[in-house]
Amino acid sequence: MAVFHDEVEIEDFQYDEDLETYFYPCPCGDNFCITKEDLENGEDVATCPSCSLIIKVIYDKARDEDKPGFCHHGVYCN
């Protein structure tokens, strides 16, 4: 069973369109990351490449697409 450092809404992540990857700051100084493809495949765990921490990504495609400002890549444009 995984122990999550935190649970973070997808709109709190930064999205890199070139890498098609979402990033969120890790306490170690690096970033948690999860790819767009992982999210589309139902993954909800973002990992940090520099430490052992993981976070649960809160993402509900059906719910989030109905919100104002939602962009095609899963983050908010406003």
PDB file of N, CA and C in Angstrom:
ATOM      1  N   MET A   1       0.838  -1.188   0.000  1.00  0.00           N
ATOM      2  CA  MET A   1       0.000   0.000   0.000  1.00  0.00           C
ATOM      3  C   MET A   1       0.880   1.248   0.000  1.00  0.00           C
ATOM      4  N   ALA A   2       0.585   2.162  -0.883  1.00  0.00           N
ATOM      5  CA  ALA A   2       1.361   3.395  -1.004  1.00  0.00           C
ATOM      6  C   ALA A   2       0.959   4.396   0.074  1.00  0.00           C
ATOM      7  N   VAL A   3       1.946   5.107   0.577  1.00  0.00           N
ATOM      8  CA  VAL A   3       1.696   6.190   1.526  1.00  0.00           C
ATOM      9  C   VAL A   3       1.989   7.493   0.795  1.00  0.00           C
ATOM     10  N   PHE A   4       0.943   8.288   0.608  1.00  0.00           N
ATOM     11  CA  PHE A   4       1.086   9.533  -0.139  1.00  0.00           C
ATOM     12  C   PHE A   4       1.555  10.664   0.764  1.00  0.00           C
ATOM     13  N   HIS A   5       2.485  11.453   0.257  1.00  0.00           N
ATOM     14  CA  HIS A   5       2.925  12.654   0.967  1.00  0.00           C
ATOM     15  C   HIS A   5       1.788  13.667   1.032  1.00  0.00           C
ATOM     16  N   ASP A   6       0.967  13.708  -0.034  1.00  0.00           N
ATOM     17  CA  ASP A   6      -0.122  14.683  -0.124  1.00  0.00           C
ATOM     18  C   ASP A   6      -1.059  14.258  -1.251  1.00  0.00           C
ATOM     19  N   GLU A   7      -2.207  14.923  -1.323  1.00  0.00           N
ATOM     20  CA  GLU A   7      -3.128  14.795  -2.450  1.00  0.00           C
ATOM     21  C   GLU A   7      -3.262  16.176  -3.061  1.00  0.00           C
ATOM     22  N   VAL A   8      -3.051  16.283  -4.377  1.00  0.00           N
ATOM     23  CA  VAL A   8      -2.983  17.585  -5.039  1.00  0.00           C
ATOM     24  C   VAL A   8      -3.891  17.592  -6.263  1.00  0.00           C
ATOM     25  N   GLU A   9      -4.710  18.646  -6.382  1.00  0.00           N
ATOM     26  CA  GLU A   9      -5.587  18.820  -7.544  1.00  0.00           C
ATOM     27  C   GLU A   9      -4.737  19.086  -8.787  1.00  0.00           C
ATOM     28  N   ILE A  10      -5.166  18.546  -9.914  1.00  0.00           N
ATOM     29  CA  ILE A  10      -4.415  18.692 -11.161  1.00  0.00           C
ATOM     30  C   ILE A  10      -4.221  20.163 -11.546  1.00  0.00           C
ATOM     31  N   GLU A  11      -5.181  21.021 -11.216  1.00  0.00           N
ATOM     32  CA  GLU A  11      -5.031  22.427 -11.596  1.00  0.00           C
ATOM     33  C   GLU A  11      -3.925  23.136 -10.823  1.00  0.00           C
ATOM     34  N   ASP A  12      -3.397  22.518  -9.759  1.00  0.00           N
ATOM     35  CA  ASP A  12      -2.277  23.098  -9.019  1.00  0.00           C
ATOM     36  C   ASP A  12      -0.924  22.748  -9.638  1.00  0.00           C
ATOM     37  N   PHE A  13      -0.909  21.862 -10.613  1.00  0.00           N
ATOM     38  CA  PHE A  13       0.318  21.477 -11.311  1.00  0.00           C
ATOM     39  C   PHE A  13       0.622  22.484 -12.421  1.00  0.00           C
ATOM     40  N   GLN A  14       1.891  22.565 -12.811  1.00  0.00           N
ATOM     41  CA  GLN A  14       2.304  23.301 -13.998  1.00  0.00           C
ATOM     42  C   GLN A  14       2.408  22.284 -15.135  1.00  0.00           C
ATOM     43  N   TYR A  15       1.983  22.689 -16.335  1.00  0.00           N
ATOM     44  CA  TYR A  15       2.006  21.774 -17.478  1.00  0.00           C
ATOM     45  C   TYR A  15       3.044  22.222 -18.491  1.00  0.00           C
ATOM     46  N   ASP A  16       3.893  21.305 -18.917  1.00  0.00           N
ATOM     47  CA  ASP A  16       4.880  21.563 -19.960  1.00  0.00           C
ATOM     48  C   ASP A  16       4.366  20.918 -21.243  1.00  0.00           C
ATOM     49  N   GLU A  17       3.955  21.761 -22.207  1.00  0.00           N
ATOM     50  CA  GLU A  17       3.363  21.249 -23.447  1.00  0.00           C
ATOM     51  C   GLU A  17       4.364  20.463 -24.286  1.00  0.00           C
ATOM     52  N   ASP A  18       5.633  20.858 -24.272  1.00  0.00           N
ATOM     53  CA  ASP A  18       6.643  20.142 -25.059  1.00  0.00           C
ATOM     54  C   ASP A  18       6.843  18.718 -24.540  1.00  0.00           C
ATOM     55  N   LEU A  19       6.883  18.571 -23.227  1.00  0.00           N
ATOM     56  CA  LEU A  19       7.092  17.257 -22.611  1.00  0.00           C
ATOM     57  C   LEU A  19       5.789  16.511 -22.347  1.00  0.00           C
ATOM     58  N   GLU A  20       4.654  17.220 -22.476  1.00  0.00           N
ATOM     59  CA  GLU A  20       3.339  16.669 -22.141  1.00  0.00           C
ATOM     60  C   GLU A  20       3.366  16.058 -20.740  1.00  0.00           C
ATOM     61  N   THR A  21       3.920  16.846 -19.806  1.00  0.00           N
ATOM     62  CA  THR A  21       4.107  16.385 -18.433  1.00  0.00           C
ATOM     63  C   THR A  21       3.680  17.476 -17.464  1.00  0.00           C
ATOM     64  N   TYR A  22       3.076  17.044 -16.367  1.00  0.00           N
ATOM     65  CA  TYR A  22       2.657  17.935 -15.290  1.00  0.00           C
ATOM     66  C   TYR A  22       3.705  17.897 -14.186  1.00  0.00           C
ATOM     67  N   PHE A  23       3.992  19.067 -13.592  1.00  0.00           N
ATOM     68  CA  PHE A  23       4.990  19.182 -12.536  1.00  0.00           C
ATOM     69  C   PHE A  23       4.398  19.893 -11.326  1.00  0.00           C
ATOM     70  N   TYR A  24       4.832  19.450 -10.139  1.00  0.00           N
ATOM     71  CA  TYR A  24       4.413  20.072  -8.881  1.00  0.00           C
ATOM     72  C   TYR A  24       5.620  20.043  -7.942  1.00  0.00           C
ATOM     73  N   PRO A  25       5.905  21.159  -7.235  1.00  0.00           N
ATOM     74  CA  PRO A  25       7.103  21.218  -6.384  1.00  0.00           C
ATOM     75  C   PRO A  25       7.111  20.160  -5.277  1.00  0.00           C
ATOM     76  N   CYS A  26       8.250  19.526  -5.108  1.00  0.00           N
ATOM     77  CA  CYS A  26       8.468  18.556  -4.036  1.00  0.00           C
ATOM     78  C   CYS A  26       9.247  19.249  -2.911  1.00  0.00           C
ATOM     79  N   PRO A  27       9.011  18.873  -1.659  1.00  0.00           N
ATOM     80  CA  PRO A  27       9.763  19.480  -0.555  1.00  0.00           C
ATOM     81  C   PRO A  27      11.277  19.307  -0.671  1.00  0.00           C
ATOM     82  N   CYS A  28      11.744  18.309  -1.419  1.00  0.00           N
ATOM     83  CA  CYS A  28      13.188  18.086  -1.550  1.00  0.00           C
ATOM     84  C   CYS A  28      13.853  19.104  -2.476  1.00  0.00           C
ATOM     85  N   GLY A  29      13.047  19.890  -3.205  1.00  0.00           N
ATOM     86  CA  GLY A  29      13.594  20.881  -4.125  1.00  0.00           C
ATOM     87  C   GLY A  29      13.429  20.512  -5.587  1.00  0.00           C
ATOM     88  N   ASP A  30      13.125  19.269  -5.870  1.00  0.00           N
ATOM     89  CA  ASP A  30      12.870  18.823  -7.238  1.00  0.00           C
ATOM     90  C   ASP A  30      11.368  18.963  -7.503  1.00  0.00           C
ATOM     91  N   ASN A  31      10.837  18.239  -8.462  1.00  0.00           N
ATOM     92  CA  ASN A  31       9.410  18.292  -8.783  1.00  0.00           C
ATOM     93  C   ASN A  31       8.819  16.898  -8.897  1.00  0.00           C
ATOM     94  N   PHE A  32       7.590  16.750  -8.395  1.00  0.00           N
ATOM     95  CA  PHE A  32       6.804  15.568  -8.705  1.00  0.00           C
ATOM     96  C   PHE A  32       6.421  15.690 -10.173  1.00  0.00           C
ATOM     97  N   CYS A  33       6.273  14.570 -10.868  1.00  0.00           N
ATOM     98  CA  CYS A  33       5.848  14.643 -12.259  1.00  0.00           C
ATOM     99  C   CYS A  33       4.958  13.462 -12.620  1.00  0.00           C
ATOM    100  N   ILE A  34       4.059  13.744 -13.559  1.00  0.00           N
ATOM    101  CA  ILE A  34       3.192  12.723 -14.128  1.00  0.00           C
ATOM    102  C   ILE A  34       2.890  13.155 -15.558  1.00  0.00           C
ATOM    103  N   THR A  35       2.918  12.216 -16.484  1.00  0.00           N
ATOM    104  CA  THR A  35       2.688  12.566 -17.885  1.00  0.00           C
ATOM    105  C   THR A  35       1.198  12.618 -18.203  1.00  0.00           C
ATOM    106  N   LYS A  36       0.893  13.334 -19.261  1.00  0.00           N
ATOM    107  CA  LYS A  36      -0.482  13.395 -19.760  1.00  0.00           C
ATOM    108  C   LYS A  36      -0.967  11.992 -20.110  1.00  0.00           C
ATOM    109  N   GLU A  37      -0.101  11.204 -20.725  1.00  0.00           N
ATOM    110  CA  GLU A  37      -0.455   9.834 -21.103  1.00  0.00           C
ATOM    111  C   GLU A  37      -0.794   8.991 -19.872  1.00  0.00           C
ATOM    112  N   ASP A  38      -0.010   9.149 -18.801  1.00  0.00           N
ATOM    113  CA  ASP A  38      -0.302   8.411 -17.566  1.00  0.00           C
ATOM    114  C   ASP A  38      -1.691   8.754 -17.047  1.00  0.00           C
ATOM    115  N   LEU A  39      -2.027  10.045 -17.023  1.00  0.00           N
ATOM    116  CA  LEU A  39      -3.357  10.461 -16.561  1.00  0.00           C
ATOM    117  C   LEU A  39      -4.454   9.868 -17.433  1.00  0.00           C
ATOM    118  N   GLU A  40      -4.257   9.914 -18.743  1.00  0.00           N
ATOM    119  CA  GLU A  40      -5.253   9.378 -19.669  1.00  0.00           C
ATOM    120  C   GLU A  40      -5.431   7.871 -19.499  1.00  0.00           C
ATOM    121  N   ASN A  41      -4.391   7.201 -19.005  1.00  0.00           N
ATOM    122  CA  ASN A  41      -4.450   5.758 -18.766  1.00  0.00           C
ATOM    123  C   ASN A  41      -4.930   5.414 -17.358  1.00  0.00           C
ATOM    124  N   GLY A  42      -5.368   6.431 -16.611  1.00  0.00           N
ATOM    125  CA  GLY A  42      -5.927   6.187 -15.288  1.00  0.00           C
ATOM    126  C   GLY A  42      -4.946   6.238 -14.134  1.00  0.00           C
ATOM    127  N   GLU A  43      -3.681   6.544 -14.406  1.00  0.00           N
ATOM    128  CA  GLU A  43      -2.701   6.678 -13.325  1.00  0.00           C
ATOM    129  C   GLU A  43      -3.027   7.921 -12.506  1.00  0.00           C
ATOM    130  N   ASP A  44      -2.789   7.861 -11.201  1.00  0.00           N
ATOM    131  CA  ASP A  44      -3.057   9.027 -10.358  1.00  0.00           C
ATOM    132  C   ASP A  44      -1.956   9.254  -9.327  1.00  0.00           C
ATOM    133  N   VAL A  45      -0.761   8.745  -9.606  1.00  0.00           N
ATOM    134  CA  VAL A  45       0.363   8.898  -8.693  1.00  0.00           C
ATOM    135  C   VAL A  45       1.482   9.653  -9.401  1.00  0.00           C
ATOM    136  N   ALA A  46       1.894  10.782  -8.803  1.00  0.00           N
ATOM    137  CA  ALA A  46       3.031  11.542  -9.318  1.00  0.00           C
ATOM    138  C   ALA A  46       4.238  11.231  -8.445  1.00  0.00           C
ATOM    139  N   THR A  47       5.363  11.000  -9.075  1.00  0.00           N
ATOM    140  CA  THR A  47       6.580  10.640  -8.350  1.00  0.00           C
ATOM    141  C   THR A  47       7.614  11.754  -8.446  1.00  0.00           C
ATOM    142  N   CYS A  48       8.518  11.760  -7.488  1.00  0.00           N
ATOM    143  CA  CYS A  48       9.656  12.674  -7.530  1.00  0.00           C
ATOM    144  C   CYS A  48      10.884  11.852  -7.905  1.00  0.00           C
ATOM    145  N   PRO A  49      11.635  12.286  -8.924  1.00  0.00           N
ATOM    146  CA  PRO A  49      12.811  11.516  -9.342  1.00  0.00           C
ATOM    147  C   PRO A  49      13.990  11.610  -8.369  1.00  0.00           C
ATOM    148  N   SER A  50      13.933  12.547  -7.405  1.00  0.00           N
ATOM    149  CA  SER A  50      15.067  12.758  -6.505  1.00  0.00           C
ATOM    150  C   SER A  50      14.891  12.181  -5.106  1.00  0.00           C
ATOM    151  N   CYS A  51      13.672  11.821  -4.744  1.00  0.00           N
ATOM    152  CA  CYS A  51      13.444  11.268  -3.410  1.00  0.00           C
ATOM    153  C   CYS A  51      12.338  10.214  -3.488  1.00  0.00           C
ATOM    154  N   SER A  52      11.959   9.679  -2.369  1.00  0.00           N
ATOM    155  CA  SER A  52      10.985   8.579  -2.363  1.00  0.00           C
ATOM    156  C   SER A  52       9.541   9.043  -2.197  1.00  0.00           C
ATOM    157  N   LEU A  53       9.303  10.358  -2.135  1.00  0.00           N
ATOM    158  CA  LEU A  53       7.942  10.848  -1.931  1.00  0.00           C
ATOM    159  C   LEU A  53       7.080  10.652  -3.180  1.00  0.00           C
ATOM    160  N   ILE A  54       5.798  10.394  -2.942  1.00  0.00           N
ATOM    161  CA  ILE A  54       4.808  10.320  -4.017  1.00  0.00           C
ATOM    162  C   ILE A  54       3.575  11.091  -3.580  1.00  0.00           C
ATOM    163  N   ILE A  55       2.828  11.607  -4.554  1.00  0.00           N
ATOM    164  CA  ILE A  55       1.572  12.289  -4.251  1.00  0.00           C
ATOM    165  C   ILE A  55       0.462  11.709  -5.113  1.00  0.00           C
ATOM    166  N   LYS A  56      -0.743  11.795  -4.587  1.00  0.00           N
ATOM    167  CA  LYS A  56      -1.924  11.364  -5.331  1.00  0.00           C
ATOM    168  C   LYS A  56      -2.443  12.571  -6.102  1.00  0.00           C
ATOM    169  N   VAL A  57      -2.681  12.387  -7.384  1.00  0.00           N
ATOM    170  CA  VAL A  57      -3.184  13.454  -8.243  1.00  0.00           C
ATOM    171  C   VAL A  57      -4.705  13.353  -8.291  1.00  0.00           C
ATOM    172  N   ILE A  58      -5.371  14.438  -7.922  1.00  0.00           N
ATOM    173  CA  ILE A  58      -6.827  14.484  -7.965  1.00  0.00           C
ATOM    174  C   ILE A  58      -7.219  15.005  -9.339  1.00  0.00           C
ATOM    175  N   TYR A  59      -7.782  14.122 -10.145  1.00  0.00           N
ATOM    176  CA  TYR A  59      -8.127  14.463 -11.523  1.00  0.00           C
ATOM    177  C   TYR A  59      -9.347  13.659 -11.928  1.00  0.00           C
ATOM    178  N   ASP A  60     -10.413  14.372 -12.250  1.00  0.00           N
ATOM    179  CA  ASP A  60     -11.641  13.736 -12.731  1.00  0.00           C
ATOM    180  C   ASP A  60     -11.950  14.384 -14.070  1.00  0.00           C
ATOM    181  N   LYS A  61     -11.596  13.721 -15.142  1.00  0.00           N
ATOM    182  CA  LYS A  61     -11.722  14.304 -16.478  1.00  0.00           C
ATOM    183  C   LYS A  61     -13.133  14.803 -16.751  1.00  0.00           C
ATOM    184  N   ALA A  62     -14.132  14.007 -16.434  1.00  0.00           N
ATOM    185  CA  ALA A  62     -15.521  14.402 -16.694  1.00  0.00           C
ATOM    186  C   ALA A  62     -15.891  15.638 -15.884  1.00  0.00           C
ATOM    187  N   ARG A  63     -15.486  15.682 -14.626  1.00  0.00           N
ATOM    188  CA  ARG A  63     -15.797  16.821 -13.765  1.00  0.00           C
ATOM    189  C   ARG A  63     -15.024  18.061 -14.207  1.00  0.00           C
ATOM    190  N   ASP A  64     -13.736  17.910 -14.426  1.00  0.00           N
ATOM    191  CA  ASP A  64     -12.885  19.054 -14.703  1.00  0.00           C
ATOM    192  C   ASP A  64     -13.141  19.684 -16.061  1.00  0.00           C
ATOM    193  N   GLU A  65     -13.580  18.916 -17.058  1.00  0.00           N
ATOM    194  CA  GLU A  65     -13.844  19.482 -18.378  1.00  0.00           C
ATOM    195  C   GLU A  65     -15.011  20.456 -18.363  1.00  0.00           C
ATOM    196  N   ASP A  66     -15.902  20.348 -17.380  1.00  0.00           N
ATOM    197  CA  ASP A  66     -17.055  21.237 -17.292  1.00  0.00           C
ATOM    198  C   ASP A  66     -16.745  22.559 -16.604  1.00  0.00           C
ATOM    199  N   LYS A  67     -15.556  22.694 -16.022  1.00  0.00           N
ATOM    200  CA  LYS A  67     -15.211  23.910 -15.290  1.00  0.00           C
ATOM    201  C   LYS A  67     -14.780  25.008 -16.257  1.00  0.00           C
ATOM    202  N   PRO A  68     -15.164  26.270 -15.954  1.00  0.00           N
ATOM    203  CA  PRO A  68     -14.728  27.389 -16.799  1.00  0.00           C
ATOM    204  C   PRO A  68     -13.202  27.491 -16.814  1.00  0.00           C
ATOM    205  N   GLY A  69     -12.651  27.754 -17.976  1.00  0.00           N
ATOM    206  CA  GLY A  69     -11.215  27.931 -18.106  1.00  0.00           C
ATOM    207  C   GLY A  69     -10.440  26.656 -18.339  1.00  0.00           C
ATOM    208  N   PHE A  70     -11.113  25.512 -18.397  1.00  0.00           N
ATOM    209  CA  PHE A  70     -10.428  24.238 -18.593  1.00  0.00           C
ATOM    210  C   PHE A  70      -9.880  24.171 -20.013  1.00  0.00           C
ATOM    211  N   CYS A  71      -8.627  23.796 -20.144  1.00  0.00           N
ATOM    212  CA  CYS A  71      -7.997  23.650 -21.459  1.00  0.00           C
ATOM    213  C   CYS A  71      -7.880  22.179 -21.822  1.00  0.00           C
ATOM    214  N   HIS A  72      -7.587  21.911 -23.064  1.00  0.00           N
ATOM    215  CA  HIS A  72      -7.528  20.538 -23.557  1.00  0.00           C
ATOM    216  C   HIS A  72      -6.506  19.672 -22.845  1.00  0.00           C
ATOM    217  N   HIS A  73      -5.451  20.249 -22.290  1.00  0.00           N
ATOM    218  CA  HIS A  73      -4.406  19.439 -21.676  1.00  0.00           C
ATOM    219  C   HIS A  73      -4.576  19.267 -20.178  1.00  0.00           C
ATOM    220  N   GLY A  74      -5.725  19.656 -19.629  1.00  0.00           N
ATOM    221  CA  GLY A  74      -6.021  19.325 -18.247  1.00  0.00           C
ATOM    222  C   GLY A  74      -5.699  20.374 -17.211  1.00  0.00           C
ATOM    223  N   VAL A  75      -5.216  21.534 -17.630  1.00  0.00           N
ATOM    224  CA  VAL A  75      -4.968  22.587 -16.658  1.00  0.00           C
ATOM    225  C   VAL A  75      -5.858  23.774 -16.972  1.00  0.00           C
ATOM    226  N   TYR A  76      -5.898  24.700 -16.079  1.00  0.00           N
ATOM    227  CA  TYR A  76      -6.770  25.855 -16.229  1.00  0.00           C
ATOM    228  C   TYR A  76      -6.020  27.006 -16.886  1.00  0.00           C
ATOM    229  N   CYS A  77      -6.681  27.639 -17.842  1.00  0.00           N
ATOM    230  CA  CYS A  77      -6.052  28.708 -18.622  1.00  0.00           C
ATOM    231  C   CYS A  77      -6.287  30.092 -18.031  1.00  0.00           C
ATOM    232  N   ASN A  78      -7.208  30.208 -17.123  1.00  0.00           N
ATOM    233  CA  ASN A  78      -7.518  31.533 -16.550  1.00  0.00           C
ATOM    234  C   ASN A  78      -6.500  31.944 -15.537  1.00  0.00           C
TER     235      ASN A  78
END
